[in-house]
Amino acid sequence: MDLGVEMIVMDERIGREHAKALGLKTVGILGVLLNAKKHGKIDSISDAMKSLRREIGFFISDHLYQQILKQANETE
């Protein structure tokens, strides 16, 4: 069945592996945030990541957090 889906949003490793095995492309929430920042939909990826951590307990390692800030041209 072809649903015309080009990419799915998924952060879970096992789910991403299954999606890849089916030939689907995946993007995680941090990729969505980077894209939103790039297209001017959000002002601060740092604020968005802090909210994810604080409000829903989303795990972002400190190393990844810094990598994302660098990609978004933000510094703390």
PDB file of N, CA and C in Angstrom:
ATOM      1  N   MET A   1       0.844  -1.163   0.000  1.00  0.00           N
ATOM      2  CA  MET A   1       0.000   0.000   0.000  1.00  0.00           C
ATOM      3  C   MET A   1       0.899   1.238   0.000  1.00  0.00           C
ATOM      4  N   ASP A   2       0.672   2.133  -0.922  1.00  0.00           N
ATOM      5  CA  ASP A   2       1.438   3.380  -1.004  1.00  0.00           C
ATOM      6  C   ASP A   2       0.595   4.514  -0.459  1.00  0.00           C
ATOM      7  N   LEU A   3       1.057   5.088   0.661  1.00  0.00           N
ATOM      8  CA  LEU A   3       0.329   6.185   1.282  1.00  0.00           C
ATOM      9  C   LEU A   3       0.859   7.541   0.862  1.00  0.00           C
ATOM     10  N   GLY A   4       1.899   7.547   0.040  1.00  0.00           N
ATOM     11  CA  GLY A   4       2.480   8.805  -0.413  1.00  0.00           C
ATOM     12  C   GLY A   4       3.267   9.517   0.674  1.00  0.00           C
ATOM     13  N   VAL A   5       3.682   8.793   1.687  1.00  0.00           N
ATOM     14  CA  VAL A   5       4.432   9.365   2.797  1.00  0.00           C
ATOM     15  C   VAL A   5       5.915   9.372   2.436  1.00  0.00           C
ATOM     16  N   GLU A   6       6.540  10.537   2.542  1.00  0.00           N
ATOM     17  CA  GLU A   6       7.962  10.627   2.240  1.00  0.00           C
ATOM     18  C   GLU A   6       8.828  10.431   3.477  1.00  0.00           C
ATOM     19  N   MET A   7       8.318  10.849   4.642  1.00  0.00           N
ATOM     20  CA  MET A   7       9.111  10.798   5.857  1.00  0.00           C
ATOM     21  C   MET A   7       8.173  10.714   7.061  1.00  0.00           C
ATOM     22  N   ILE A   8       8.622   9.995   8.088  1.00  0.00           N
ATOM     23  CA  ILE A   8       7.832   9.932   9.311  1.00  0.00           C
ATOM     24  C   ILE A   8       8.661  10.484  10.473  1.00  0.00           C
ATOM     25  N   VAL A   9       7.967  11.065  11.438  1.00  0.00           N
ATOM     26  CA  VAL A   9       8.623  11.595  12.634  1.00  0.00           C
ATOM     27  C   VAL A   9       8.633  10.496  13.682  1.00  0.00           C
ATOM     28  N   MET A  10       9.846  10.125  14.111  1.00  0.00           N
ATOM     29  CA  MET A  10       9.977   9.063  15.096  1.00  0.00           C
ATOM     30  C   MET A  10      11.320   9.200  15.799  1.00  0.00           C
ATOM     31  N   ASP A  11      11.313   9.105  17.109  1.00  0.00           N
ATOM     32  CA  ASP A  11      12.548   9.195  17.871  1.00  0.00           C
ATOM     33  C   ASP A  11      13.036   7.843  18.389  1.00  0.00           C
ATOM     34  N   GLU A  12      12.174   6.870  18.483  1.00  0.00           N
ATOM     35  CA  GLU A  12      12.559   5.581  19.045  1.00  0.00           C
ATOM     36  C   GLU A  12      13.459   4.818  18.080  1.00  0.00           C
ATOM     37  N   ARG A  13      14.576   4.326  18.595  1.00  0.00           N
ATOM     38  CA  ARG A  13      15.575   3.643  17.775  1.00  0.00           C
ATOM     39  C   ARG A  13      15.002   2.425  17.067  1.00  0.00           C
ATOM     40  N   ILE A  14      14.280   1.584  17.789  1.00  0.00           N
ATOM     41  CA  ILE A  14      13.741   0.362  17.185  1.00  0.00           C
ATOM     42  C   ILE A  14      12.741   0.706  16.081  1.00  0.00           C
ATOM     43  N   GLY A  15      11.911   1.688  16.333  1.00  0.00           N
ATOM     44  CA  GLY A  15      10.950   2.121  15.315  1.00  0.00           C
ATOM     45  C   GLY A  15      11.642   2.653  14.073  1.00  0.00           C
ATOM     46  N   ARG A  16      12.712   3.418  14.279  1.00  0.00           N
ATOM     47  CA  ARG A  16      13.478   3.940  13.138  1.00  0.00           C
ATOM     48  C   ARG A  16      14.094   2.807  12.323  1.00  0.00           C
ATOM     49  N   GLU A  17      14.602   1.797  13.019  1.00  0.00           N
ATOM     50  CA  GLU A  17      15.190   0.653  12.323  1.00  0.00           C
ATOM     51  C   GLU A  17      14.144  -0.068  11.471  1.00  0.00           C
ATOM     52  N   HIS A  18      12.954  -0.265  12.024  1.00  0.00           N
ATOM     53  CA  HIS A  18      11.879  -0.928  11.270  1.00  0.00           C
ATOM     54  C   HIS A  18      11.446  -0.065  10.086  1.00  0.00           C
ATOM     55  N   ALA A  19      11.335   1.229  10.310  1.00  0.00           N
ATOM     56  CA  ALA A  19      10.944   2.134   9.223  1.00  0.00           C
ATOM     57  C   ALA A  19      11.980   2.093   8.100  1.00  0.00           C
ATOM     58  N   LYS A  20      13.255   2.113   8.468  1.00  0.00           N
ATOM     59  CA  LYS A  20      14.322   2.060   7.469  1.00  0.00           C
ATOM     60  C   LYS A  20      14.256   0.757   6.684  1.00  0.00           C
ATOM     61  N   ALA A  21      13.987  -0.353   7.382  1.00  0.00           N
ATOM     62  CA  ALA A  21      13.870  -1.651   6.715  1.00  0.00           C
ATOM     63  C   ALA A  21      12.724  -1.662   5.701  1.00  0.00           C
ATOM     64  N   LEU A  22      11.718  -0.830   5.941  1.00  0.00           N
ATOM     65  CA  LEU A  22      10.586  -0.715   5.022  1.00  0.00           C
ATOM     66  C   LEU A  22      10.832   0.332   3.942  1.00  0.00           C
ATOM     67  N   GLY A  23      12.022   0.934   3.960  1.00  0.00           N
ATOM     68  CA  GLY A  23      12.359   1.933   2.954  1.00  0.00           C
ATOM     69  C   GLY A  23      11.848   3.330   3.255  1.00  0.00           C
ATOM     70  N   LEU A  24      11.450   3.568   4.511  1.00  0.00           N
ATOM     71  CA  LEU A  24      10.948   4.884   4.895  1.00  0.00           C
ATOM     72  C   LEU A  24      12.064   5.738   5.475  1.00  0.00           C
ATOM     73  N   LYS A  25      11.990   7.019   5.237  1.00  0.00           N
ATOM     74  CA  LYS A  25      12.927   7.960   5.848  1.00  0.00           C
ATOM     75  C   LYS A  25      12.313   8.436   7.153  1.00  0.00           C
ATOM     76  N   THR A  26      13.183   8.673   8.140  1.00  0.00           N
ATOM     77  CA  THR A  26      12.693   9.154   9.427  1.00  0.00           C
ATOM     78  C   THR A  26      13.397  10.449   9.803  1.00  0.00           C
ATOM     79  N   VAL A  27      12.739  11.195  10.651  1.00  0.00           N
ATOM     80  CA  VAL A  27      13.317  12.388  11.249  1.00  0.00           C
ATOM     81  C   VAL A  27      12.815  12.420  12.687  1.00  0.00           C
ATOM     82  N   GLY A  28      13.677  12.834  13.595  1.00  0.00           N
ATOM     83  CA  GLY A  28      13.279  12.938  14.993  1.00  0.00           C
ATOM     84  C   GLY A  28      12.814  14.344  15.305  1.00  0.00           C
ATOM     85  N   ILE A  29      12.353  14.531  16.513  1.00  0.00           N
ATOM     86  CA  ILE A  29      11.830  15.835  16.915  1.00  0.00           C
ATOM     87  C   ILE A  29      12.902  16.919  16.815  1.00  0.00           C
ATOM     88  N   LEU A  30      14.156  16.568  17.097  1.00  0.00           N
ATOM     89  CA  LEU A  30      15.211  17.573  17.002  1.00  0.00           C
ATOM     90  C   LEU A  30      15.445  17.990  15.549  1.00  0.00           C
ATOM     91  N   GLY A  31      15.295  17.057  14.631  1.00  0.00           N
ATOM     92  CA  GLY A  31      15.379  17.393  13.216  1.00  0.00           C
ATOM     93  C   GLY A  31      14.241  18.298  12.786  1.00  0.00           C
ATOM     94  N   VAL A  32      13.068  18.050  13.336  1.00  0.00           N
ATOM     95  CA  VAL A  32      11.907  18.910  13.050  1.00  0.00           C
ATOM     96  C   VAL A  32      12.175  20.317  13.580  1.00  0.00           C
ATOM     97  N   LEU A  33      12.724  20.400  14.793  1.00  0.00           N
ATOM     98  CA  LEU A  33      13.034  21.714  15.369  1.00  0.00           C
ATOM     99  C   LEU A  33      14.099  22.451  14.558  1.00  0.00           C
ATOM    100  N   LEU A  34      15.130  21.741  14.113  1.00  0.00           N
ATOM    101  CA  LEU A  34      16.158  22.372  13.282  1.00  0.00           C
ATOM    102  C   LEU A  34      15.558  22.922  11.993  1.00  0.00           C
ATOM    103  N   ASN A  35      14.676  22.157  11.391  1.00  0.00           N
ATOM    104  CA  ASN A  35      14.025  22.596  10.165  1.00  0.00           C
ATOM    105  C   ASN A  35      13.135  23.820  10.428  1.00  0.00           C
ATOM    106  N   ALA A  36      12.433  23.809  11.551  1.00  0.00           N
ATOM    107  CA  ALA A  36      11.584  24.950  11.910  1.00  0.00           C
ATOM    108  C   ALA A  36      12.422  26.202  12.123  1.00  0.00           C
ATOM    109  N   LYS A  37      13.555  26.053  12.770  1.00  0.00           N
ATOM    110  CA  LYS A  37      14.455  27.188  12.989  1.00  0.00           C
ATOM    111  C   LYS A  37      14.987  27.705  11.651  1.00  0.00           C
ATOM    112  N   LYS A  38      15.402  26.795  10.792  1.00  0.00           N
ATOM    113  CA  LYS A  38      15.946  27.149   9.476  1.00  0.00           C
ATOM    114  C   LYS A  38      14.937  27.944   8.649  1.00  0.00           C
ATOM    115  N   HIS A  39      13.661  27.604   8.777  1.00  0.00           N
ATOM    116  CA  HIS A  39      12.613  28.258   7.992  1.00  0.00           C
ATOM    117  C   HIS A  39      11.904  29.388   8.750  1.00  0.00           C
ATOM    118  N   GLY A  40      12.480  29.789   9.889  1.00  0.00           N
ATOM    119  CA  GLY A  40      11.947  30.931  10.621  1.00  0.00           C
ATOM    120  C   GLY A  40      10.633  30.695  11.344  1.00  0.00           C
ATOM    121  N   LYS A  41      10.304  29.448  11.588  1.00  0.00           N
ATOM    122  CA  LYS A  41       9.047  29.120  12.282  1.00  0.00           C
ATOM    123  C   LYS A  41       9.190  29.224  13.800  1.00  0.00           C
ATOM    124  N   ILE A  42      10.414  29.070  14.301  1.00  0.00           N
ATOM    125  CA  ILE A  42      10.688  29.277  15.726  1.00  0.00           C
ATOM    126  C   ILE A  42      11.912  30.178  15.844  1.00  0.00           C
ATOM    127  N   ASP A  43      11.971  30.921  16.939  1.00  0.00           N
ATOM    128  CA  ASP A  43      13.098  31.828  17.161  1.00  0.00           C
ATOM    129  C   ASP A  43      14.262  31.155  17.863  1.00  0.00           C
ATOM    130  N   SER A  44      13.954  30.221  18.763  1.00  0.00           N
ATOM    131  CA  SER A  44      14.998  29.644  19.601  1.00  0.00           C
ATOM    132  C   SER A  44      14.838  28.135  19.730  1.00  0.00           C
ATOM    133  N   ILE A  45      15.809  27.413  19.191  1.00  0.00           N
ATOM    134  CA  ILE A  45      15.800  25.960  19.353  1.00  0.00           C
ATOM    135  C   ILE A  45      16.186  25.601  20.788  1.00  0.00           C
ATOM    136  N   SER A  46      16.993  26.456  21.410  1.00  0.00           N
ATOM    137  CA  SER A  46      17.377  26.234  22.802  1.00  0.00           C
ATOM    138  C   SER A  46      16.143  26.248  23.708  1.00  0.00           C
ATOM    139  N   ASP A  47      15.281  27.229  23.527  1.00  0.00           N
ATOM    140  CA  ASP A  47      14.053  27.299  24.328  1.00  0.00           C
ATOM    141  C   ASP A  47      13.165  26.086  24.086  1.00  0.00           C
ATOM    142  N   ALA A  48      13.085  25.657  22.831  1.00  0.00           N
ATOM    143  CA  ALA A  48      12.258  24.491  22.499  1.00  0.00           C
ATOM    144  C   ALA A  48      12.802  23.231  23.161  1.00  0.00           C
ATOM    145  N   MET A  49      14.127  23.050  23.131  1.00  0.00           N
ATOM    146  CA  MET A  49      14.714  21.857  23.754  1.00  0.00           C
ATOM    147  C   MET A  49      14.558  21.900  25.268  1.00  0.00           C
ATOM    148  N   LYS A  50      14.712  23.084  25.849  1.00  0.00           N
ATOM    149  CA  LYS A  50      14.514  23.212  27.302  1.00  0.00           C
ATOM    150  C   LYS A  50      13.080  22.843  27.675  1.00  0.00           C
ATOM    151  N   SER A  51      12.123  23.282  26.866  1.00  0.00           N
ATOM    152  CA  SER A  51      10.718  22.950  27.121  1.00  0.00           C
ATOM    153  C   SER A  51      10.480  21.450  27.022  1.00  0.00           C
ATOM    154  N   LEU A  52      11.083  20.815  26.016  1.00  0.00           N
ATOM    155  CA  LEU A  52      10.934  19.367  25.885  1.00  0.00           C
ATOM    156  C   LEU A  52      11.471  18.648  27.116  1.00  0.00           C
ATOM    157  N   ARG A  53      12.624  19.079  27.581  1.00  0.00           N
ATOM    158  CA  ARG A  53      13.219  18.468  28.775  1.00  0.00           C
ATOM    159  C   ARG A  53      12.343  18.699  30.010  1.00  0.00           C
ATOM    160  N   ARG A  54      11.932  19.923  30.209  1.00  0.00           N
ATOM    161  CA  ARG A  54      11.204  20.306  31.410  1.00  0.00           C
ATOM    162  C   ARG A  54       9.772  19.778  31.427  1.00  0.00           C
ATOM    163  N   GLU A  55       9.067  19.947  30.327  1.00  0.00           N
ATOM    164  CA  GLU A  55       7.633  19.664  30.321  1.00  0.00           C
ATOM    165  C   GLU A  55       7.268  18.203  30.107  1.00  0.00           C
ATOM    166  N   ILE A  56       8.068  17.483  29.321  1.00  0.00           N
ATOM    167  CA  ILE A  56       7.705  16.082  29.077  1.00  0.00           C
ATOM    168  C   ILE A  56       8.825  15.103  29.415  1.00  0.00           C
ATOM    169  N   GLY A  57       9.931  15.626  29.973  1.00  0.00           N
ATOM    170  CA  GLY A  57      11.025  14.745  30.367  1.00  0.00           C
ATOM    171  C   GLY A  57      11.763  14.134  29.185  1.00  0.00           C
ATOM    172  N   PHE A  58      11.750  14.808  28.039  1.00  0.00           N
ATOM    173  CA  PHE A  58      12.430  14.315  26.839  1.00  0.00           C
ATOM    174  C   PHE A  58      13.928  14.303  27.088  1.00  0.00           C
ATOM    175  N   PHE A  59      14.565  13.151  26.852  1.00  0.00           N
ATOM    176  CA  PHE A  59      15.997  13.035  27.092  1.00  0.00           C
ATOM    177  C   PHE A  59      16.786  13.533  25.891  1.00  0.00           C
ATOM    178  N   ILE A  60      17.671  14.482  26.136  1.00  0.00           N
ATOM    179  CA  ILE A  60      18.627  14.962  25.144  1.00  0.00           C
ATOM    180  C   ILE A  60      19.970  15.003  25.863  1.00  0.00           C
ATOM    181  N   SER A  61      20.929  14.210  25.407  1.00  0.00           N
ATOM    182  CA  SER A  61      22.234  14.230  26.068  1.00  0.00           C
ATOM    183  C   SER A  61      22.842  15.620  25.944  1.00  0.00           C
ATOM    184  N   ASP A  62      23.699  15.960  26.871  1.00  0.00           N
ATOM    185  CA  ASP A  62      24.343  17.276  26.828  1.00  0.00           C
ATOM    186  C   ASP A  62      25.145  17.455  25.542  1.00  0.00           C
ATOM    187  N   HIS A  63      25.797  16.382  25.104  1.00  0.00           N
ATOM    188  CA  HIS A  63      26.589  16.446  23.873  1.00  0.00           C
ATOM    189  C   HIS A  63      25.690  16.741  22.662  1.00  0.00           C
ATOM    190  N   LEU A  64      24.577  16.010  22.552  1.00  0.00           N
ATOM    191  CA  LEU A  64      23.645  16.228  21.441  1.00  0.00           C
ATOM    192  C   LEU A  64      23.031  17.619  21.524  1.00  0.00           C
ATOM    193  N   TYR A  65      22.700  18.044  22.733  1.00  0.00           N
ATOM    194  CA  TYR A  65      22.130  19.383  22.959  1.00  0.00           C
ATOM    195  C   TYR A  65      23.064  20.445  22.369  1.00  0.00           C
ATOM    196  N   GLN A  66      24.346  20.330  22.671  1.00  0.00           N
ATOM    197  CA  GLN A  66      25.325  21.296  22.164  1.00  0.00           C
ATOM    198  C   GLN A  66      25.491  21.194  20.645  1.00  0.00           C
ATOM    199  N   GLN A  67      25.448  19.986  20.109  1.00  0.00           N
ATOM    200  CA  GLN A  67      25.542  19.800  18.658  1.00  0.00           C
ATOM    201  C   GLN A  67      24.373  20.483  17.943  1.00  0.00           C
ATOM    202  N   ILE A  68      23.177  20.323  18.486  1.00  0.00           N
ATOM    203  CA  ILE A  68      21.987  20.922  17.881  1.00  0.00           C
ATOM    204  C   ILE A  68      22.077  22.441  17.950  1.00  0.00           C
ATOM    205  N   LEU A  69      22.526  22.974  19.091  1.00  0.00           N
ATOM    206  CA  LEU A  69      22.688  24.432  19.208  1.00  0.00           C
ATOM    207  C   LEU A  69      23.671  24.946  18.159  1.00  0.00           C
ATOM    208  N   LYS A  70      24.755  24.209  17.957  1.00  0.00           N
ATOM    209  CA  LYS A  70      25.763  24.612  16.972  1.00  0.00           C
ATOM    210  C   LYS A  70      25.171  24.605  15.561  1.00  0.00           C
ATOM    211  N   GLN A  71      24.425  23.559  15.230  1.00  0.00           N
ATOM    212  CA  GLN A  71      23.797  23.476  13.908  1.00  0.00           C
ATOM    213  C   GLN A  71      22.790  24.598  13.685  1.00  0.00           C
ATOM    214  N   ALA A  72      22.165  25.055  14.771  1.00  0.00           N
ATOM    215  CA  ALA A  72      21.162  26.110  14.685  1.00  0.00           C
ATOM    216  C   ALA A  72      21.791  27.505  14.833  1.00  0.00           C
ATOM    217  N   ASN A  73      23.110  27.533  14.931  1.00  0.00           N
ATOM    218  CA  ASN A  73      23.831  28.809  15.138  1.00  0.00           C
ATOM    219  C   ASN A  73      23.367  29.536  16.391  1.00  0.00           C
ATOM    220  N   GLU A  74      23.159  28.757  17.446  1.00  0.00           N
ATOM    221  CA  GLU A  74      22.829  29.316  18.759  1.00  0.00           C
ATOM    222  C   GLU A  74      23.912  28.887  19.741  1.00  0.00           C
ATOM    223  N   THR A  75      24.208  29.719  20.697  1.00  0.00           N
ATOM    224  CA  THR A  75      25.156  29.367  21.731  1.00  0.00           C
ATOM    225  C   THR A  75      24.582  29.716  23.091  1.00  0.00           C
ATOM    226  N   GLU A  76      25.075  29.032  24.100  1.00  0.00           N
ATOM    227  CA  GLU A  76      24.636  29.319  25.472  1.00  0.00           C
ATOM    228  C   GLU A  76      25.824  29.689  26.308  1.00  0.00           C
TER     229      GLU A  76
END
